[in-house]
Amino acid sequence: MTNDKNRVLIFDTTLRDGEQSPGATMTHAEKLEIAEMLDDMGVDIIEAGFPIASEGDFKAVSEIAERASTSTICGLSRANFKDIDRCWEAVKHAKSPRIHTFIGTSPLHRAIPNLTMDEMADRIHDCVTHARNLCDNVQWSSMDATRTEWDFLKRTVDIAIKAGASTINIPDTVGYTEPVESADLIARLIAEVDNADTVIFSTHCHNDLGMATANSLAAVNGGARQIECTINGLGERAGNTALEEVVMALKVRHDIMPYDTGIDTRKIMNISRRVATVSGFPVQFNKAIVGKNAFAHESGIHQDGMLKNRETFEVMKPEDVGLSGTTLPLGKHSGRAALRDKLAKLGYEMGDNELKDIFVRFKDLADRKKEVFDDDLIALIRQNNSDDDRLKLKDLTVICGMNGPQKADMVLEIDGEDHSTSATGDGPVDATFNAVKALFPHDARLQLYQVHAVTEGTDAQATVSVRMEEDGRIATGQSADTDTVVASAMAYINALNRLLVRREKSAPGSDVKEIRYTDAGE
């Protein structure tokens, strides 16, 4: 238990409640990776899983417990001795282990095991006592607490404390409550339950009505000193309180919520993106803190204000969550000031007349094209003139089939001179890319490769898109052809040509990372 009344513990349950989201199951290696990132970020308690649920979950919790360097490792168990014993076996080798046992106390949940209030009270006493005899750190949760009768909730909390629980969790299991109720419930329990000052009160809020974060923050104002949350708000149904939201809210509104966490907020964006990848649950663009548009401004008025003073339209710094900076997406609502600023960052300084011409053509493009990239701006300036490209594909023959490796014979024009080579690879596209790299060595890394059929049928034209990164510079390339391998080669070479332009135009130290521009309809 913390002695600092202004310290809020962060209890992350991404690997337990978050993984329960239908379709969000993670592999053993992925769970270990996310746990390591949570530990490194400064999460106080990691609920690593539900050990009784499966042998895989038990092994994951056990290995996470052995590996964790600073976080308390917690396992979940139902209110029976078998679950609790299995949980202890999984977490007992952690530097700081915790057993978390729960039971549903509301009338609806009491009806499932068909227990009377007295029978449930006895079970709570026995299970918490049993857990406490195994582990010094025991958390007890009253599932569906916000729909539990007050007198019975108070009674069960009192029993759990007397039986040895050191943390009392009051979950809003179905996202039913609202902030005033959340704060009042915690405050009333602290005021009226015996020995309430000897334990940590915790809040676990679901987002069914969109109020999970607000309810969690209200509970803190009511006296809770532990927030249960997940990365990206991942969880059952509409999800849980999002770790990034409560942590940043406490940081930004320190004037009215003078509470601190131990989270290294600069690592938030990195783990958010990784959880989105391994869970298969992408982050919505307008998601608070970690959404793609959270630090993006398209309106001309907003962009002009941001260029003059960032604080006009941002209450936190993107660097605080691990981003390199704000982006000003240029769309049909953007003004000349933002366009001039962006072109300058790309290395193009231009006079008023030239800017006026580019601005007119940009507006036309923004009305017609849903996604506009930095490369599109460069193409506008270059008038789509490919004569200046240093690399040009002159010939390509690929041999492929069941008996690999596949082979690509290529002729590539480099700075006006033809060069040829043969290369092999794991498939025709890999062989083709290897041939390009053999003829024109580079350190650019392929970040994305996508193929889309433009029309139906075996003779459909394929559109290939690639994204490449070199020293922080990102460029995209795209090409279409009825031969997918040829389209792939052209797109790859297109991206390389754009990277070469970036090398020449970007000032040292400037931010030349790709920014995707969107119109208001996305």
Protein backbone atom coordinates (compact mmCIF):
# COMPACT_ATOMS: atom_id res chain seq x y z
CA MET A 1 0.00 0.00 0.00
CA THR A 2 1.26 3.45 -0.85
CA ASN A 3 1.56 6.06 1.86
CA ASP A 4 1.38 8.90 -0.64
CA LYS A 5 -2.22 10.13 -0.67
CA ASN A 6 -1.63 11.80 -4.04
CA ARG A 7 -0.19 8.70 -5.71
CA VAL A 8 -2.55 6.82 -8.05
CA LEU A 9 -1.57 3.25 -8.84
CA ILE A 10 -2.04 2.07 -12.42
CA PHE A 11 -3.37 -1.49 -12.67
CA ASP A 12 -3.19 -2.62 -16.30
CA THR A 13 -5.39 -5.53 -17.35
CA THR A 14 -4.71 -5.51 -21.09
CA LEU A 15 -3.42 -9.07 -20.89
CA ARG A 16 -6.51 -10.29 -19.05
CA ASP A 17 -9.62 -8.17 -19.56
CA GLY A 18 -8.27 -6.69 -22.78
CA GLU A 19 -7.49 -10.08 -24.27
CA GLN A 20 -11.05 -11.20 -23.49
CA SER A 21 -12.27 -9.01 -26.34
CA PRO A 22 -13.62 -11.38 -28.99
CA GLY A 23 -10.87 -11.86 -31.55
CA ALA A 24 -8.14 -10.18 -29.50
CA THR A 25 -6.35 -13.34 -28.31
CA MET A 26 -2.57 -12.90 -28.18
CA THR A 27 0.13 -15.52 -28.61
CA HIS A 28 2.44 -16.46 -25.76
CA ALA A 29 5.29 -14.44 -27.23
CA GLU A 30 3.04 -11.42 -27.77
CA LYS A 31 1.84 -11.49 -24.16
CA LEU A 32 5.44 -11.58 -22.93
CA GLU A 33 6.33 -8.68 -25.21
CA ILE A 34 3.43 -6.49 -24.06
CA ALA A 35 4.14 -7.33 -20.40
CA GLU A 36 7.75 -6.25 -20.85
CA MET A 37 6.62 -2.96 -22.37
CA LEU A 38 4.16 -2.35 -19.52
CA ASP A 39 6.85 -3.11 -16.96
CA ASP A 40 9.28 -0.78 -18.71
CA MET A 41 6.66 1.98 -18.90
CA GLY A 42 6.19 1.98 -15.13
CA VAL A 43 2.83 0.23 -14.69
CA ASP A 44 2.39 -0.54 -10.98
CA ILE A 45 0.37 -3.76 -11.34
CA ILE A 46 0.09 -5.97 -14.41
CA GLU A 47 -2.84 -8.38 -14.40
CA ALA A 48 -1.13 -10.94 -16.60
CA GLY A 49 -4.04 -13.33 -17.10
CA PHE A 50 -6.52 -15.83 -15.70
CA PRO A 51 -4.30 -18.82 -14.76
CA ILE A 52 -7.12 -21.35 -14.32
CA ALA A 53 -8.56 -20.56 -17.76
CA SER A 54 -6.04 -22.61 -19.76
CA GLU A 55 -2.60 -24.13 -19.64
CA GLY A 56 -1.43 -21.42 -22.04
CA ASP A 57 -2.67 -18.65 -19.78
CA PHE A 58 -1.01 -20.28 -16.77
CA LYS A 59 2.33 -20.51 -18.57
CA ALA A 60 2.12 -16.90 -19.75
CA VAL A 61 1.34 -15.57 -16.27
CA SER A 62 4.12 -17.70 -14.76
CA GLU A 63 6.76 -16.52 -17.23
CA ILE A 64 5.68 -12.89 -16.94
CA ALA A 65 5.94 -13.22 -13.16
CA GLU A 66 9.49 -14.54 -13.43
CA ARG A 67 10.58 -11.85 -15.91
CA ALA A 68 9.04 -8.69 -14.45
CA SER A 69 11.59 -6.33 -12.95
CA THR A 70 9.48 -3.67 -11.20
CA SER A 71 5.75 -4.27 -11.69
CA THR A 72 3.59 -6.29 -9.32
CA ILE A 73 2.29 -9.31 -11.24
CA CYS A 74 -1.30 -10.26 -10.60
CA GLY A 75 -3.46 -13.20 -11.63
CA LEU A 76 -7.25 -13.39 -11.56
CA SER A 77 -9.22 -16.09 -9.77
CA ARG A 78 -12.86 -16.82 -9.08
CA ALA A 79 -14.11 -17.27 -5.55
CA ASN A 80 -13.02 -20.88 -4.99
CA PHE A 81 -9.92 -22.50 -3.54
CA LYS A 82 -8.96 -24.30 -6.78
CA ASP A 83 -8.80 -21.04 -8.75
CA ILE A 84 -6.91 -19.27 -5.98
CA ASP A 85 -4.35 -22.07 -5.63
CA ARG A 86 -3.74 -22.12 -9.39
CA CYS A 87 -3.36 -18.35 -9.40
CA TRP A 88 -0.79 -18.49 -6.63
CA GLU A 89 1.20 -21.17 -8.45
CA ALA A 90 1.39 -18.84 -11.46
CA VAL A 91 2.43 -15.63 -9.69
CA LYS A 92 4.42 -16.87 -6.69
CA HIS A 93 7.83 -16.43 -8.34
CA ALA A 94 7.28 -12.73 -9.07
CA LYS A 95 9.30 -10.20 -7.11
CA SER A 96 5.95 -8.73 -6.13
CA PRO A 97 3.01 -11.17 -6.57
CA ARG A 98 -0.71 -10.46 -6.12
CA ILE A 99 -3.81 -12.67 -6.06
CA HIS A 100 -6.98 -11.05 -7.36
CA THR A 101 -10.19 -12.88 -6.47
CA PHE A 102 -13.70 -11.75 -7.31
CA ILE A 103 -17.39 -12.60 -7.04
CA GLY A 104 -20.52 -10.98 -8.46
CA THR A 105 -22.48 -9.31 -5.62
CA SER A 106 -25.46 -7.73 -7.39
CA PRO A 107 -28.86 -9.49 -7.33
CA LEU A 108 -28.42 -10.56 -10.95
CA HIS A 109 -25.01 -12.07 -10.26
CA ARG A 110 -25.98 -13.69 -6.96
CA ALA A 111 -28.70 -15.56 -8.83
CA ILE A 112 -26.17 -17.33 -11.08
CA PRO A 113 -24.59 -19.51 -8.32
CA ASN A 114 -27.92 -19.34 -6.44
CA LEU A 115 -26.31 -18.05 -3.24
CA THR A 116 -28.08 -16.21 -0.46
CA MET A 117 -26.48 -13.06 0.92
CA ASP A 118 -25.24 -14.98 3.95
CA GLU A 119 -23.80 -17.78 1.84
CA MET A 120 -22.01 -15.30 -0.38
CA ALA A 121 -20.66 -13.42 2.63
CA ASP A 122 -19.23 -16.67 4.00
CA ARG A 123 -17.64 -17.51 0.66
CA ILE A 124 -16.00 -14.09 0.44
CA HIS A 125 -14.56 -14.50 3.93
CA ASP A 126 -13.24 -17.99 3.26
CA CYS A 127 -11.72 -17.20 -0.16
CA VAL A 128 -10.02 -13.96 0.84
CA THR A 129 -8.67 -15.65 3.96
CA HIS A 130 -7.34 -18.53 1.89
CA ALA A 131 -5.69 -16.17 -0.59
CA ARG A 132 -4.20 -14.10 2.23
CA ASN A 133 -2.64 -17.21 3.76
CA LEU A 134 -0.83 -17.75 0.45
CA CYS A 135 0.09 -14.18 -0.49
CA ASP A 136 0.56 -10.92 1.42
CA ASN A 137 -0.94 -8.92 -1.45
CA VAL A 138 -4.60 -9.80 -2.06
CA GLN A 139 -7.13 -7.85 -4.08
CA TRP A 140 -10.85 -8.51 -3.81
CA SER A 141 -13.43 -7.33 -6.33
CA SER A 142 -17.17 -6.98 -5.98
CA MET A 143 -18.23 -7.65 -9.56
CA ASP A 144 -21.16 -5.46 -10.64
CA ALA A 145 -20.66 -3.36 -7.52
CA THR A 146 -22.48 -0.35 -8.95
CA ARG A 147 -25.71 -2.39 -9.16
CA THR A 148 -25.30 -4.01 -5.75
CA GLU A 149 -27.54 -2.98 -2.84
CA TRP A 150 -25.68 -0.48 -0.65
CA ASP A 151 -26.03 -2.39 2.62
CA PHE A 152 -24.80 -5.63 1.09
CA LEU A 153 -21.93 -3.95 -0.75
CA LYS A 154 -20.80 -2.30 2.47
CA ARG A 155 -21.07 -5.62 4.30
CA THR A 156 -18.98 -7.54 1.73
CA VAL A 157 -16.29 -4.86 1.59
CA ASP A 158 -16.04 -4.96 5.38
CA ILE A 159 -15.70 -8.76 5.30
CA ALA A 160 -12.99 -8.67 2.63
CA ILE A 161 -10.94 -6.11 4.57
CA LYS A 162 -11.19 -8.08 7.81
CA ALA A 163 -10.23 -11.28 5.96
CA GLY A 164 -6.97 -9.68 4.81
CA ALA A 165 -7.55 -7.98 1.43
CA SER A 166 -5.18 -5.05 0.91
CA THR A 167 -6.95 -3.70 -2.21
CA ILE A 168 -10.72 -3.38 -2.63
CA ASN A 169 -11.89 -3.02 -6.21
CA ILE A 170 -15.31 -1.51 -6.96
CA PRO A 171 -16.08 -2.36 -10.60
CA ASP A 172 -18.67 -0.75 -12.81
CA THR A 173 -18.86 -4.04 -14.66
CA VAL A 174 -21.43 -3.06 -17.28
CA GLY A 175 -20.62 0.65 -17.61
CA TYR A 176 -23.89 1.58 -15.92
CA THR A 177 -22.90 4.38 -13.57
CA GLU A 178 -22.03 8.02 -14.19
CA PRO A 179 -19.28 10.22 -12.69
CA VAL A 180 -21.15 11.74 -9.74
CA GLU A 181 -22.34 8.29 -8.66
CA SER A 182 -18.84 6.86 -9.12
CA ALA A 183 -17.25 9.47 -6.86
CA ASP A 184 -19.99 9.27 -4.24
CA LEU A 185 -19.84 5.47 -4.01
CA ILE A 186 -16.10 5.40 -3.32
CA ALA A 187 -16.29 8.30 -0.88
CA ARG A 188 -19.18 6.71 1.02
CA LEU A 189 -17.39 3.35 1.33
CA ILE A 190 -14.26 5.05 2.65
CA ALA A 191 -16.34 7.03 5.14
CA GLU A 192 -18.54 4.22 6.43
CA VAL A 193 -16.57 0.94 6.21
CA ASP A 194 -14.43 0.03 9.22
CA ASN A 195 -10.67 0.13 8.59
CA ALA A 196 -11.17 1.63 5.12
CA ASP A 197 -8.05 3.72 5.68
CA THR A 198 -5.91 0.56 5.82
CA VAL A 199 -6.59 -0.49 2.21
CA ILE A 200 -6.40 0.88 -1.32
CA PHE A 201 -9.74 1.41 -3.05
CA SER A 202 -9.69 0.68 -6.76
CA THR A 203 -11.99 1.47 -9.67
CA HIS A 204 -12.60 -0.67 -12.75
CA CYS A 205 -14.92 0.97 -15.28
CA HIS A 206 -16.33 -0.33 -18.54
CA ASN A 207 -17.24 1.94 -21.41
CA ASP A 208 -20.74 0.76 -22.42
CA LEU A 209 -22.14 4.28 -22.14
CA GLY A 210 -18.88 6.03 -23.08
CA MET A 211 -18.09 7.20 -19.54
CA ALA A 212 -15.35 4.82 -18.38
CA THR A 213 -12.57 7.39 -18.20
CA ALA A 214 -14.81 10.02 -16.60
CA ASN A 215 -16.03 7.50 -14.03
CA SER A 216 -12.48 6.42 -13.18
CA LEU A 217 -11.29 10.00 -12.69
CA ALA A 218 -14.35 10.77 -10.60
CA ALA A 219 -13.60 7.73 -8.43
CA VAL A 220 -10.10 9.09 -7.84
CA ASN A 221 -11.62 12.37 -6.69
CA GLY A 222 -13.81 10.27 -4.39
CA GLY A 223 -10.75 8.64 -2.81
CA ALA A 224 -9.81 5.70 -5.04
CA ARG A 225 -6.05 5.33 -5.41
CA GLN A 226 -5.90 2.60 -8.02
CA ILE A 227 -7.28 2.77 -11.56
CA GLU A 228 -7.80 -0.44 -13.52
CA CYS A 229 -7.39 0.14 -17.24
CA THR A 230 -6.13 -1.24 -20.53
CA ILE A 231 -4.03 0.04 -23.42
CA ASN A 232 -6.32 1.62 -26.05
CA GLY A 233 -9.32 0.85 -23.81
CA LEU A 234 -9.31 -2.74 -25.09
CA GLY A 235 -11.81 -4.99 -23.35
CA GLU A 236 -15.20 -6.65 -23.17
CA ARG A 237 -18.00 -5.12 -25.25
CA ALA A 238 -17.22 -1.37 -25.60
CA GLY A 239 -13.98 -1.77 -23.65
CA ASN A 240 -12.46 -0.41 -20.46
CA THR A 241 -10.99 2.78 -19.14
CA ALA A 242 -8.01 3.55 -21.39
CA LEU A 243 -4.66 3.81 -19.62
CA GLU A 244 -3.47 6.61 -21.88
CA GLU A 245 -6.58 8.70 -21.21
CA VAL A 246 -6.53 8.62 -17.40
CA VAL A 247 -2.76 9.04 -17.17
CA MET A 248 -2.70 12.06 -19.48
CA ALA A 249 -5.83 13.56 -17.91
CA LEU A 250 -4.18 13.45 -14.49
CA LYS A 251 -1.04 14.99 -15.95
CA VAL A 252 -2.79 17.78 -17.86
CA ARG A 253 -5.40 18.67 -15.22
CA HIS A 254 -3.05 18.63 -12.27
CA ASP A 255 -4.63 21.93 -11.23
CA ILE A 256 -7.88 20.25 -10.16
CA MET A 257 -6.66 16.64 -9.82
CA PRO A 258 -3.33 16.87 -7.95
CA TYR A 259 -2.47 13.20 -8.35
CA ASP A 260 0.61 11.55 -9.81
CA THR A 261 1.31 8.22 -11.51
CA GLY A 262 4.59 6.50 -12.18
CA ILE A 263 3.97 6.11 -15.91
CA ASP A 264 6.58 7.17 -18.46
CA THR A 265 4.12 8.82 -20.81
CA ARG A 266 6.69 9.06 -23.62
CA LYS A 267 6.22 5.33 -24.18
CA ILE A 268 2.45 5.46 -24.54
CA MET A 269 2.27 5.76 -28.32
CA ASN A 270 4.70 2.93 -28.91
CA ILE A 271 2.80 0.42 -26.76
CA SER A 272 -0.54 1.64 -28.11
CA ARG A 273 0.52 0.82 -31.64
CA ARG A 274 1.97 -2.53 -30.64
CA VAL A 275 -1.18 -3.59 -28.77
CA ALA A 276 -3.27 -2.56 -31.78
CA THR A 277 -1.10 -4.78 -33.98
CA VAL A 278 -1.01 -7.91 -31.82
CA SER A 279 -4.68 -7.72 -30.81
CA GLY A 280 -5.93 -6.97 -34.31
CA PHE A 281 -8.00 -4.06 -32.94
CA PRO A 282 -6.98 -0.88 -34.82
CA VAL A 283 -7.18 2.44 -33.00
CA GLN A 284 -9.93 4.69 -34.32
CA PHE A 285 -8.58 7.87 -35.90
CA ASN A 286 -10.27 10.23 -33.44
CA LYS A 287 -9.35 8.21 -30.31
CA ALA A 288 -8.17 10.47 -27.50
CA ILE A 289 -4.38 10.66 -27.01
CA VAL A 290 -3.37 7.81 -29.33
CA GLY A 291 -5.68 8.23 -32.32
CA LYS A 292 -4.13 9.18 -35.63
CA ASN A 293 -5.93 12.53 -35.62
CA ALA A 294 -5.35 13.35 -31.93
CA PHE A 295 -2.61 15.84 -32.82
CA ALA A 296 -3.66 16.65 -36.37
CA HIS A 297 -5.25 19.94 -37.48
CA GLU A 298 -6.77 20.46 -40.92
CA SER A 299 -8.92 23.57 -40.56
CA GLY A 300 -7.23 26.67 -41.92
CA ILE A 301 -8.08 28.63 -38.78
CA HIS A 302 -6.67 25.88 -36.55
CA GLN A 303 -3.55 25.51 -38.65
CA ASP A 304 -2.86 29.23 -38.65
CA GLY A 305 -3.30 29.30 -34.88
CA MET A 306 -1.01 26.28 -34.41
CA LEU A 307 1.72 27.89 -36.51
CA LYS A 308 1.59 30.98 -34.31
CA ASN A 309 1.13 29.31 -30.90
CA ARG A 310 0.70 25.56 -30.36
CA GLU A 311 -1.31 26.07 -27.18
CA THR A 312 -4.18 27.68 -29.10
CA PHE A 313 -5.51 24.24 -30.04
CA GLU A 314 -3.55 21.66 -28.03
CA VAL A 315 -3.67 21.02 -24.28
CA MET A 316 -0.71 18.64 -24.27
CA LYS A 317 2.47 18.13 -26.23
CA PRO A 318 2.59 15.24 -28.72
CA GLU A 319 6.17 14.63 -27.55
CA ASP A 320 4.76 13.76 -24.11
CA VAL A 321 3.24 10.55 -25.51
CA GLY A 322 6.13 9.65 -27.79
CA LEU A 323 5.27 11.45 -31.02
CA SER A 324 7.78 13.60 -32.85
CA GLY A 325 5.39 16.53 -33.14
CA THR A 326 2.09 17.91 -34.34
CA THR A 327 0.92 17.33 -37.90
CA LEU A 328 -1.03 19.81 -39.99
CA PRO A 329 -2.96 17.68 -42.50
CA LEU A 330 -3.55 19.70 -45.63
CA GLY A 331 -7.03 19.20 -47.00
CA LYS A 332 -9.69 21.24 -48.72
CA HIS A 333 -10.14 23.31 -45.54
CA SER A 334 -6.49 24.30 -45.28
CA GLY A 335 -5.02 27.73 -45.94
CA ARG A 336 -1.91 29.06 -47.68
CA ALA A 337 -0.01 29.51 -44.41
CA ALA A 338 -0.11 25.79 -43.66
CA LEU A 339 0.79 24.87 -47.25
CA ARG A 340 3.77 27.25 -47.24
CA ASP A 341 4.93 25.83 -43.90
CA LYS A 342 4.67 22.23 -45.09
CA LEU A 343 6.45 22.87 -48.37
CA ALA A 344 9.24 24.65 -46.49
CA LYS A 345 9.69 21.58 -44.29
CA LEU A 346 9.94 19.49 -47.44
CA GLY A 347 12.71 21.79 -48.64
CA TYR A 348 10.78 23.98 -51.06
CA GLU A 349 10.90 27.74 -50.52
CA MET A 350 8.75 29.65 -53.01
CA GLY A 351 7.48 33.13 -53.70
CA ASP A 352 3.89 34.30 -53.44
CA ASN A 353 3.05 33.81 -57.12
CA GLU A 354 4.46 30.29 -57.24
CA LEU A 355 2.70 29.42 -53.98
CA LYS A 356 -0.58 30.75 -55.38
CA ASP A 357 -0.30 28.44 -58.39
CA ILE A 358 0.58 25.41 -56.24
CA PHE A 359 -2.25 26.22 -53.82
CA VAL A 360 -4.87 26.23 -56.60
CA ARG A 361 -3.68 22.86 -57.91
CA PHE A 362 -3.47 21.46 -54.38
CA LYS A 363 -7.09 22.45 -53.66
CA ASP A 364 -8.18 20.72 -56.84
CA LEU A 365 -6.30 17.59 -55.81
CA ALA A 366 -7.74 17.66 -52.27
CA ASP A 367 -11.28 17.78 -53.70
CA ARG A 368 -10.60 14.75 -55.88
CA LYS A 369 -8.26 12.59 -53.81
CA LYS A 370 -9.23 11.17 -50.41
CA GLU A 371 -5.64 10.54 -49.29
CA VAL A 372 -2.90 13.01 -50.20
CA PHE A 373 0.72 12.41 -49.18
CA ASP A 374 3.86 14.51 -49.01
CA ASP A 375 4.87 12.82 -52.23
CA ASP A 376 1.75 14.22 -53.91
CA LEU A 377 2.88 17.73 -53.01
CA ILE A 378 6.30 17.04 -54.45
CA ALA A 379 4.66 15.68 -57.58
CA LEU A 380 2.62 18.89 -57.91
CA ILE A 381 5.80 20.92 -57.79
CA ARG A 382 7.58 18.69 -60.24
CA GLN A 383 4.55 18.78 -62.55
CA ASN A 384 4.53 14.97 -62.55
CA ASN A 385 7.66 15.09 -64.70
CA SER A 386 9.41 11.73 -64.41
CA ASP A 387 12.27 12.80 -66.69
CA ASP A 388 14.24 13.79 -63.59
CA ASP A 389 13.97 10.33 -61.99
CA ARG A 390 17.40 8.86 -61.38
CA LEU A 391 16.14 5.28 -61.53
CA LYS A 392 14.08 3.86 -64.42
CA LEU A 393 13.05 0.27 -65.09
CA LYS A 394 14.08 -0.71 -68.61
CA ASP A 395 13.46 -4.49 -68.63
CA LEU A 396 12.35 -7.23 -66.27
CA THR A 397 12.03 -10.99 -66.73
CA VAL A 398 11.00 -13.18 -63.81
CA ILE A 399 11.15 -16.98 -63.52
CA CYS A 400 8.91 -18.46 -60.84
CA GLY A 401 7.17 -21.68 -59.95
CA MET A 402 6.99 -24.36 -57.28
CA ASN A 403 10.71 -25.11 -57.37
CA GLY A 404 12.47 -22.09 -55.95
CA PRO A 405 14.31 -19.93 -55.49
CA GLN A 406 12.63 -17.56 -57.93
CA LYS A 407 14.81 -15.48 -60.23
CA ALA A 408 14.59 -11.92 -61.62
CA ASP A 409 16.66 -10.61 -64.57
CA MET A 410 16.59 -6.81 -64.59
CA VAL A 411 17.88 -3.87 -66.57
CA LEU A 412 17.77 -0.64 -64.58
CA GLU A 413 18.73 2.79 -65.86
CA ILE A 414 20.67 4.70 -63.17
CA ASP A 415 21.53 8.32 -63.88
CA GLY A 416 21.18 7.71 -67.63
CA GLU A 417 23.23 4.50 -67.83
CA ASP A 418 21.85 0.97 -68.13
CA HIS A 419 22.88 -1.66 -65.58
CA SER A 420 21.78 -5.30 -65.49
CA THR A 421 21.79 -8.10 -62.96
CA SER A 422 20.13 -11.36 -61.93
CA ALA A 423 18.89 -11.96 -58.40
CA THR A 424 16.99 -14.66 -56.55
CA GLY A 425 14.50 -14.42 -53.71
CA ASP A 426 11.66 -16.01 -51.80
CA GLY A 427 9.07 -15.41 -54.50
CA PRO A 428 9.08 -13.30 -57.67
CA VAL A 429 8.51 -9.97 -55.91
CA ASP A 430 11.28 -10.60 -53.39
CA ALA A 431 13.64 -11.54 -56.23
CA THR A 432 12.68 -8.36 -58.09
CA PHE A 433 13.30 -6.13 -55.07
CA ASN A 434 16.63 -7.89 -54.47
CA ALA A 435 17.62 -7.11 -58.05
CA VAL A 436 16.90 -3.41 -57.57
CA LYS A 437 18.94 -3.37 -54.38
CA ALA A 438 21.82 -5.19 -56.08
CA LEU A 439 21.93 -2.58 -58.84
CA PHE A 440 21.31 0.39 -56.56
CA PRO A 441 22.45 -0.42 -52.98
CA HIS A 442 20.53 1.46 -50.31
CA ASP A 443 19.55 1.26 -46.63
CA ALA A 444 15.86 2.06 -47.10
CA ARG A 445 13.54 -0.32 -45.26
CA LEU A 446 10.31 -1.59 -46.79
CA GLN A 447 7.52 -0.71 -44.33
CA LEU A 448 4.45 -1.57 -46.40
CA TYR A 449 3.64 -3.61 -49.49
CA GLN A 450 0.04 -3.80 -50.69
CA VAL A 451 -1.59 -5.12 -53.85
CA HIS A 452 -5.13 -4.24 -54.94
CA ALA A 453 -6.98 -5.43 -58.04
CA VAL A 454 -8.55 -2.53 -59.92
CA THR A 455 -11.07 -4.70 -61.79
CA GLU A 456 -12.33 -8.28 -61.63
CA GLY A 457 -11.00 -11.19 -63.64
CA THR A 458 -7.67 -12.88 -64.23
CA ASP A 459 -6.59 -10.01 -66.49
CA ALA A 460 -7.29 -7.40 -63.81
CA GLN A 461 -4.92 -4.49 -63.47
CA ALA A 462 -3.12 -4.57 -60.14
CA THR A 463 -2.28 -1.43 -58.21
CA VAL A 464 0.75 -1.86 -55.96
CA SER A 465 1.63 0.51 -53.13
CA VAL A 466 4.87 0.48 -51.15
CA ARG A 467 6.14 2.61 -48.29
CA MET A 468 9.85 2.90 -47.55
CA GLU A 469 11.83 4.53 -44.74
CA GLU A 470 15.41 5.80 -44.70
CA ASP A 471 16.93 7.78 -41.81
CA GLY A 472 13.54 9.03 -40.66
CA ARG A 473 12.44 9.92 -44.18
CA ILE A 474 9.39 8.08 -45.47
CA ALA A 475 8.24 7.92 -49.07
CA THR A 476 5.49 6.06 -50.87
CA GLY A 477 5.42 4.65 -54.36
CA GLN A 478 2.55 3.38 -56.45
CA SER A 479 2.14 1.80 -59.86
CA ALA A 480 -0.45 -0.19 -61.81
CA ASP A 481 -0.04 -2.92 -64.40
CA THR A 482 -1.75 -6.13 -65.48
CA ASP A 483 1.50 -7.84 -64.41
CA THR A 484 1.65 -7.65 -60.61
CA VAL A 485 5.44 -8.17 -60.51
CA VAL A 486 6.04 -5.33 -62.97
CA ALA A 487 3.71 -3.07 -60.96
CA SER A 488 5.62 -4.03 -57.81
CA ALA A 489 8.97 -3.16 -59.39
CA MET A 490 7.70 0.19 -60.65
CA ALA A 491 6.18 1.10 -57.27
CA TYR A 492 9.40 0.15 -55.46
CA ILE A 493 11.53 2.21 -57.85
CA ASN A 494 9.04 5.09 -57.62
CA ALA A 495 9.43 5.16 -53.84
CA LEU A 496 13.22 5.08 -54.13
CA ASN A 497 13.18 8.03 -56.53
CA ARG A 498 11.10 10.00 -54.06
CA LEU A 499 13.50 9.16 -51.24
CA LEU A 500 16.35 10.45 -53.38
CA VAL A 501 14.48 13.73 -53.84
CA ARG A 502 14.03 13.90 -50.08
CA ARG A 503 17.77 13.45 -49.59
CA GLU A 504 18.45 16.43 -51.80
CA LYS A 505 15.70 18.73 -50.56
CA SER A 506 15.56 18.07 -46.81
CA ALA A 507 17.57 20.30 -44.56
CA PRO A 508 19.65 18.51 -41.90
CA GLY A 509 17.56 17.75 -38.84
CA SER A 510 14.27 18.75 -40.44
CA ASP A 511 11.19 16.65 -39.91
CA VAL A 512 10.64 14.95 -43.24
CA LYS A 513 8.52 12.06 -42.08
CA GLU A 514 5.48 11.22 -44.14
CA ILE A 515 2.24 12.92 -43.14
CA ARG A 516 -1.01 11.67 -44.57
CA TYR A 517 -3.37 14.46 -45.49
CA THR A 518 -7.09 13.83 -45.35
CA ASP A 519 -10.21 15.67 -46.26
CA ALA A 520 -13.06 16.15 -43.79
CA GLY A 521 -14.95 13.14 -45.11
CA GLU A 522 -12.56 10.53 -43.67
